[in-house]
Amino acid sequence: MKAGRKGIVTILLIVVAIVLAVPMLFWLVQDRLIFFPQPVVSTAHLPPRTTPLAVRAADGTMLHGWMVPAETSPAPAVVYFGGNAEEVSWAIASDRWPRGYARIAINYRGYGTSEGKPSAATLLADGLAIYDSVASRREVDGARIVAFGRSLGTAVATHVAANRPVAAAILVSPYDSLAAVGRRHYPFLPVEWMLRHRFAPINDAARSRSPLLVVVGDDDSIIPVAHSRVLFDAWAGEKTWRNVAGADHNTLGATREFWQAIEAFLAPH
């Protein structure tokens, strides 16, 4: 009997160790699960008129990216905040962007040639610094700046829209909070108290009164449409919803419907 009890105790200890070890491992490696910094491999894909752009963050960190200027000046501008595995030069290089808009994209901390290390707090603060820098440029009409966020970057764009007078916001595959998405993907983990990087755009959406376009793919397996809808419903301003049938998280931006929605939305802004 004693040997049997010892065996049960041993099994219980192993179970407890596993239960404690998995959340601890998640806590330690979550930076690698959330952020995937990408280097600048080339800039040959950027349009000929592209110019480098540097922004000094509030804490002195230097952030680097590019501006594709419009043909006229001052011009309305789209400020792009990318996904968690994105080097943003590729996003603004596309010739599908509506004409007449300057396009600006700055790599997150640790991405491209930007200094520092990414975190939720620093990326949200950097979004405001980027907006302020762009709004002060003579080539840009500061009253017609559009905050554009994709995936992880929708939290940054929403934060900018809640704290700065943007003309409009475009969110592609947005989410209510990283914790909510995490609970869906890891239902066996206490994600809420384990998460250090608390991106929660739902908290900013209720303070965002600029016109909004949300574009989602109905087959998105990374950010299910239900999470996008929660954020959309919370947005305080005028809003437009566009669903692209059959599109997944990483194929949405290649569809014709995606670009048509953006062009139609930006036309009056």
Protein backbone atom coordinates (compact mmCIF):
# COMPACT_ATOMS: atom_id res chain seq x y z
CA MET A 1 0.00 0.00 0.00
CA LYS A 2 2.83 2.37 0.88
CA ALA A 3 4.46 1.74 -2.48
CA GLY A 4 1.12 2.45 -4.16
CA ARG A 5 0.69 5.73 -2.30
CA LYS A 6 4.22 6.77 -3.23
CA GLY A 7 3.42 6.07 -6.86
CA ILE A 8 0.29 8.21 -6.70
CA VAL A 9 2.22 11.03 -5.02
CA THR A 10 4.91 10.81 -7.69
CA ILE A 11 2.31 11.02 -10.45
CA LEU A 12 0.64 14.02 -8.77
CA LEU A 13 3.98 15.80 -8.46
CA ILE A 14 4.69 15.21 -12.13
CA VAL A 15 1.27 16.57 -13.09
CA VAL A 16 1.75 19.64 -10.90
CA ALA A 17 5.21 20.21 -12.39
CA ILE A 18 3.79 20.06 -15.92
CA VAL A 19 0.88 22.36 -15.03
CA LEU A 20 3.32 24.92 -13.63
CA ALA A 21 5.98 24.46 -16.30
CA VAL A 22 3.76 25.11 -19.34
CA PRO A 23 2.58 28.59 -18.22
CA MET A 24 6.11 29.43 -17.09
CA LEU A 25 7.47 28.44 -20.50
CA PHE A 26 4.82 30.58 -22.20
CA TRP A 27 5.77 33.52 -19.97
CA LEU A 28 9.43 33.15 -20.91
CA VAL A 29 9.01 32.68 -24.68
CA GLN A 30 5.99 34.87 -25.41
CA ASP A 31 8.13 37.56 -27.04
CA ARG A 32 9.08 34.99 -29.68
CA LEU A 33 5.44 34.00 -30.11
CA ILE A 34 4.23 37.58 -30.59
CA PHE A 35 7.07 39.39 -32.37
CA PHE A 36 8.96 38.13 -35.42
CA PRO A 37 11.38 40.95 -36.34
CA GLN A 38 12.35 40.96 -40.01
CA PRO A 39 15.48 42.52 -41.52
CA VAL A 40 15.64 44.83 -44.52
CA VAL A 41 16.71 42.40 -47.22
CA SER A 42 16.50 44.88 -50.10
CA THR A 43 14.96 48.20 -51.06
CA ALA A 44 15.04 47.61 -54.81
CA HIS A 45 11.28 46.96 -54.78
CA LEU A 46 10.47 50.48 -53.57
CA PRO A 47 9.30 53.09 -56.11
CA PRO A 48 12.03 55.42 -57.45
CA ARG A 49 10.72 58.51 -55.61
CA THR A 50 10.84 56.81 -52.19
CA THR A 51 12.80 58.63 -49.51
CA PRO A 52 14.15 57.26 -46.19
CA LEU A 53 12.37 58.49 -43.11
CA ALA A 54 13.59 58.46 -39.50
CA VAL A 55 11.51 59.15 -36.40
CA ARG A 56 12.87 59.66 -32.90
CA ALA A 57 10.64 57.98 -30.32
CA ALA A 58 9.81 59.62 -27.01
CA ASP A 59 12.61 57.72 -25.26
CA GLY A 60 15.18 58.61 -27.93
CA THR A 61 15.03 55.32 -29.85
CA MET A 62 15.50 55.84 -33.59
CA LEU A 63 12.92 54.24 -35.85
CA HIS A 64 13.53 53.90 -39.58
CA GLY A 65 11.29 53.53 -42.60
CA TRP A 66 10.27 55.22 -45.83
CA MET A 67 7.93 57.67 -47.46
CA VAL A 68 6.55 57.33 -50.96
CA PRO A 69 5.53 60.93 -51.68
CA ALA A 70 2.45 61.90 -53.63
CA GLU A 71 2.74 63.79 -56.90
CA THR A 72 1.34 66.94 -55.29
CA SER A 73 2.24 68.66 -52.05
CA PRO A 74 0.90 68.90 -49.40
CA ALA A 75 -0.95 65.64 -49.89
CA PRO A 76 -3.11 63.34 -47.82
CA ALA A 77 -1.12 60.45 -46.35
CA VAL A 78 -1.57 56.86 -45.29
CA VAL A 79 0.56 55.85 -42.30
CA TYR A 80 0.96 52.06 -42.29
CA PHE A 81 1.42 49.88 -39.18
CA GLY A 82 2.24 46.32 -40.11
CA GLY A 83 1.82 42.81 -38.82
CA ASN A 84 4.01 40.99 -36.34
CA ALA A 85 6.23 39.36 -38.98
CA GLU A 86 6.37 42.22 -41.45
CA GLU A 87 9.17 44.37 -42.79
CA VAL A 88 6.97 47.24 -43.92
CA SER A 89 8.81 48.41 -47.03
CA TRP A 90 7.00 45.67 -48.95
CA ALA A 91 3.57 47.00 -47.95
CA ILE A 92 4.08 50.52 -49.31
CA ALA A 93 5.82 49.32 -52.49
CA SER A 94 2.61 48.08 -54.11
CA ASP A 95 1.34 50.04 -57.11
CA ARG A 96 -2.23 49.24 -56.07
CA TRP A 97 -2.41 52.07 -53.54
CA PRO A 98 -4.85 54.83 -54.55
CA ARG A 99 -3.11 57.68 -56.34
CA GLY A 100 -2.85 61.06 -54.67
CA TYR A 101 -1.81 59.71 -51.27
CA ALA A 102 1.65 59.77 -49.74
CA ARG A 103 2.52 56.43 -48.16
CA ILE A 104 4.56 56.19 -44.97
CA ALA A 105 5.73 53.07 -43.14
CA ILE A 106 8.16 52.88 -40.23
CA ASN A 107 9.49 49.55 -39.00
CA TYR A 108 8.75 48.64 -35.40
CA ARG A 109 11.55 48.54 -32.83
CA GLY A 110 13.88 45.69 -33.64
CA TYR A 111 12.44 45.35 -37.16
CA GLY A 112 14.35 46.44 -40.25
CA THR A 113 17.00 48.90 -39.11
CA SER A 114 14.94 50.38 -36.27
CA GLU A 115 16.63 50.37 -32.89
CA GLY A 116 15.34 48.82 -29.68
CA LYS A 117 13.17 45.91 -28.70
CA PRO A 118 9.41 45.68 -29.35
CA SER A 119 6.77 45.65 -26.63
CA ALA A 120 3.12 46.62 -26.45
CA ALA A 121 3.82 49.81 -24.50
CA THR A 122 6.63 51.02 -26.75
CA LEU A 123 4.84 50.23 -30.03
CA LEU A 124 1.73 52.12 -28.97
CA ALA A 125 3.79 55.13 -27.86
CA ASP A 126 5.84 54.96 -31.05
CA GLY A 127 2.66 55.09 -33.12
CA LEU A 128 1.89 58.52 -31.67
CA ALA A 129 5.46 59.71 -32.28
CA ILE A 130 5.25 58.56 -35.89
CA TYR A 131 1.95 60.36 -36.41
CA ASP A 132 3.31 63.58 -34.90
CA SER A 133 6.40 63.42 -37.08
CA VAL A 134 4.40 62.80 -40.24
CA ALA A 135 1.86 65.53 -39.43
CA SER A 136 4.66 68.09 -39.14
CA ARG A 137 6.09 67.42 -42.60
CA ARG A 138 5.46 70.04 -45.27
CA GLU A 139 4.75 67.37 -47.92
CA VAL A 140 1.80 66.09 -45.87
CA ASP A 141 -1.61 67.64 -45.28
CA GLY A 142 -1.83 67.14 -41.52
CA ALA A 143 -5.64 67.29 -41.61
CA ARG A 144 -5.85 64.30 -43.95
CA ILE A 145 -3.79 61.54 -42.37
CA VAL A 146 -5.18 58.01 -42.46
CA ALA A 147 -4.04 55.48 -39.85
CA PHE A 148 -3.75 52.06 -41.51
CA GLY A 149 -3.16 48.95 -39.40
CA ARG A 150 -2.86 45.30 -40.34
CA SER A 151 -3.13 42.41 -37.88
CA LEU A 152 -0.95 43.26 -34.84
CA GLY A 153 -0.67 46.81 -36.16
CA THR A 154 -4.41 47.39 -35.87
CA ALA A 155 -3.83 47.98 -32.16
CA VAL A 156 -1.30 50.70 -32.97
CA ALA A 157 -3.53 52.31 -35.60
CA THR A 158 -6.52 52.25 -33.23
CA HIS A 159 -4.41 53.85 -30.49
CA VAL A 160 -3.38 56.60 -32.89
CA ALA A 161 -7.00 57.14 -33.97
CA ALA A 162 -8.09 57.43 -30.33
CA ASN A 163 -5.40 59.97 -29.44
CA ARG A 164 -4.80 62.00 -32.59
CA PRO A 165 -7.13 63.77 -35.08
CA VAL A 166 -6.82 61.30 -37.94
CA ALA A 167 -9.04 61.81 -40.98
CA ALA A 168 -9.89 58.10 -41.11
CA ALA A 169 -8.70 54.65 -40.08
CA ILE A 170 -8.35 51.40 -42.03
CA LEU A 171 -8.00 48.17 -40.06
CA VAL A 172 -7.21 44.90 -41.80
CA SER A 173 -7.84 41.74 -39.76
CA PRO A 174 -8.27 43.64 -36.48
CA TYR A 175 -8.88 42.09 -33.07
CA ASP A 176 -10.46 43.06 -29.78
CA SER A 177 -7.50 42.10 -27.57
CA LEU A 178 -4.46 39.88 -27.77
CA ALA A 179 -5.63 38.13 -24.61
CA ALA A 180 -8.97 37.23 -26.21
CA VAL A 181 -7.28 35.86 -29.33
CA GLY A 182 -4.78 34.01 -27.15
CA ARG A 183 -7.56 32.35 -25.15
CA ARG A 184 -9.06 31.05 -28.40
CA HIS A 185 -5.78 29.53 -29.57
CA TYR A 186 -4.58 28.34 -26.14
CA PRO A 187 -7.74 27.48 -24.17
CA PHE A 188 -5.72 25.33 -21.79
CA LEU A 189 -3.59 28.26 -20.59
CA PRO A 190 -4.44 31.14 -18.22
CA VAL A 191 -3.51 33.61 -20.94
CA GLU A 192 -5.05 36.62 -19.20
CA TRP A 193 -2.56 36.71 -16.34
CA MET A 194 0.38 35.31 -18.29
CA LEU A 195 0.41 37.95 -21.01
CA ARG A 196 2.99 40.73 -20.71
CA HIS A 197 2.21 42.48 -24.01
CA ARG A 198 -1.35 43.66 -23.47
CA PHE A 199 -2.46 44.89 -26.85
CA ALA A 200 -6.15 45.68 -26.28
CA PRO A 201 -7.48 47.94 -29.06
CA ILE A 202 -11.01 47.39 -27.77
CA ASN A 203 -10.17 49.94 -25.06
CA ASP A 204 -9.28 52.59 -27.65
CA ALA A 205 -12.10 51.81 -30.09
CA ALA A 206 -14.78 53.45 -27.96
CA ARG A 207 -12.78 56.72 -28.06
CA SER A 208 -12.18 56.60 -31.81
CA ARG A 209 -14.60 58.82 -33.72
CA SER A 210 -12.97 58.99 -37.13
CA PRO A 211 -14.52 57.11 -40.08
CA LEU A 212 -13.44 53.47 -40.10
CA LEU A 213 -13.01 50.78 -42.74
CA VAL A 214 -12.54 47.19 -41.55
CA VAL A 215 -11.50 44.55 -44.09
CA VAL A 216 -11.49 40.90 -43.08
CA GLY A 217 -11.14 37.51 -44.73
CA ASP A 218 -13.88 35.11 -43.70
CA ASP A 219 -11.42 32.18 -43.61
CA ASP A 220 -8.96 33.93 -41.27
CA SER A 221 -7.49 31.20 -39.06
CA ILE A 222 -5.19 33.51 -37.06
CA ILE A 223 -7.62 36.28 -36.11
CA PRO A 224 -11.12 34.80 -36.47
CA VAL A 225 -13.72 37.22 -37.79
CA ALA A 226 -15.59 37.21 -34.47
CA HIS A 227 -12.71 39.13 -32.85
CA SER A 228 -12.73 41.69 -35.66
CA ARG A 229 -16.47 42.16 -35.28
CA VAL A 230 -16.18 42.90 -31.54
CA LEU A 231 -13.75 45.73 -32.27
CA PHE A 232 -15.86 47.00 -35.15
CA ASP A 233 -18.99 47.12 -32.99
CA ALA A 234 -17.13 49.07 -30.28
CA TRP A 235 -15.86 51.77 -32.67
CA ALA A 236 -17.49 55.09 -31.83
CA GLY A 237 -17.38 56.69 -35.27
CA GLU A 238 -18.94 56.02 -38.65
CA LYS A 239 -17.84 52.58 -39.86
CA THR A 240 -17.81 50.31 -42.89
CA TRP A 241 -17.37 46.53 -42.87
CA ARG A 242 -15.97 44.59 -45.84
CA ASN A 243 -15.73 40.81 -45.81
CA VAL A 244 -13.68 39.04 -48.50
CA ALA A 245 -15.03 35.55 -49.08
CA GLY A 246 -12.48 32.75 -49.06
CA ALA A 247 -9.57 34.95 -47.95
CA ASP A 248 -7.26 33.88 -45.12
CA HIS A 249 -5.07 36.05 -42.92
CA ASN A 250 -2.09 36.05 -45.27
CA THR A 251 -3.96 36.01 -48.60
CA LEU A 252 -6.40 38.85 -47.93
CA GLY A 253 -4.07 41.61 -49.15
CA ALA A 254 -3.60 39.94 -52.54
CA THR A 255 -7.30 39.99 -53.44
CA ARG A 256 -8.95 42.43 -55.81
CA GLU A 257 -11.77 43.00 -53.31
CA PHE A 258 -9.26 44.17 -50.69
CA TRP A 259 -7.88 46.96 -52.87
CA GLN A 260 -11.29 47.92 -54.21
CA ALA A 261 -12.55 48.42 -50.65
CA ILE A 262 -9.57 50.64 -49.78
CA GLU A 263 -9.89 52.74 -52.95
CA ALA A 264 -13.63 53.26 -52.47
CA PHE A 265 -13.15 54.24 -48.81
CA LEU A 266 -10.28 56.66 -49.39
CA ALA A 267 -11.88 58.45 -52.34
CA PRO A 268 -13.98 60.88 -50.24
CA HIS A 269 -11.30 61.33 -47.56
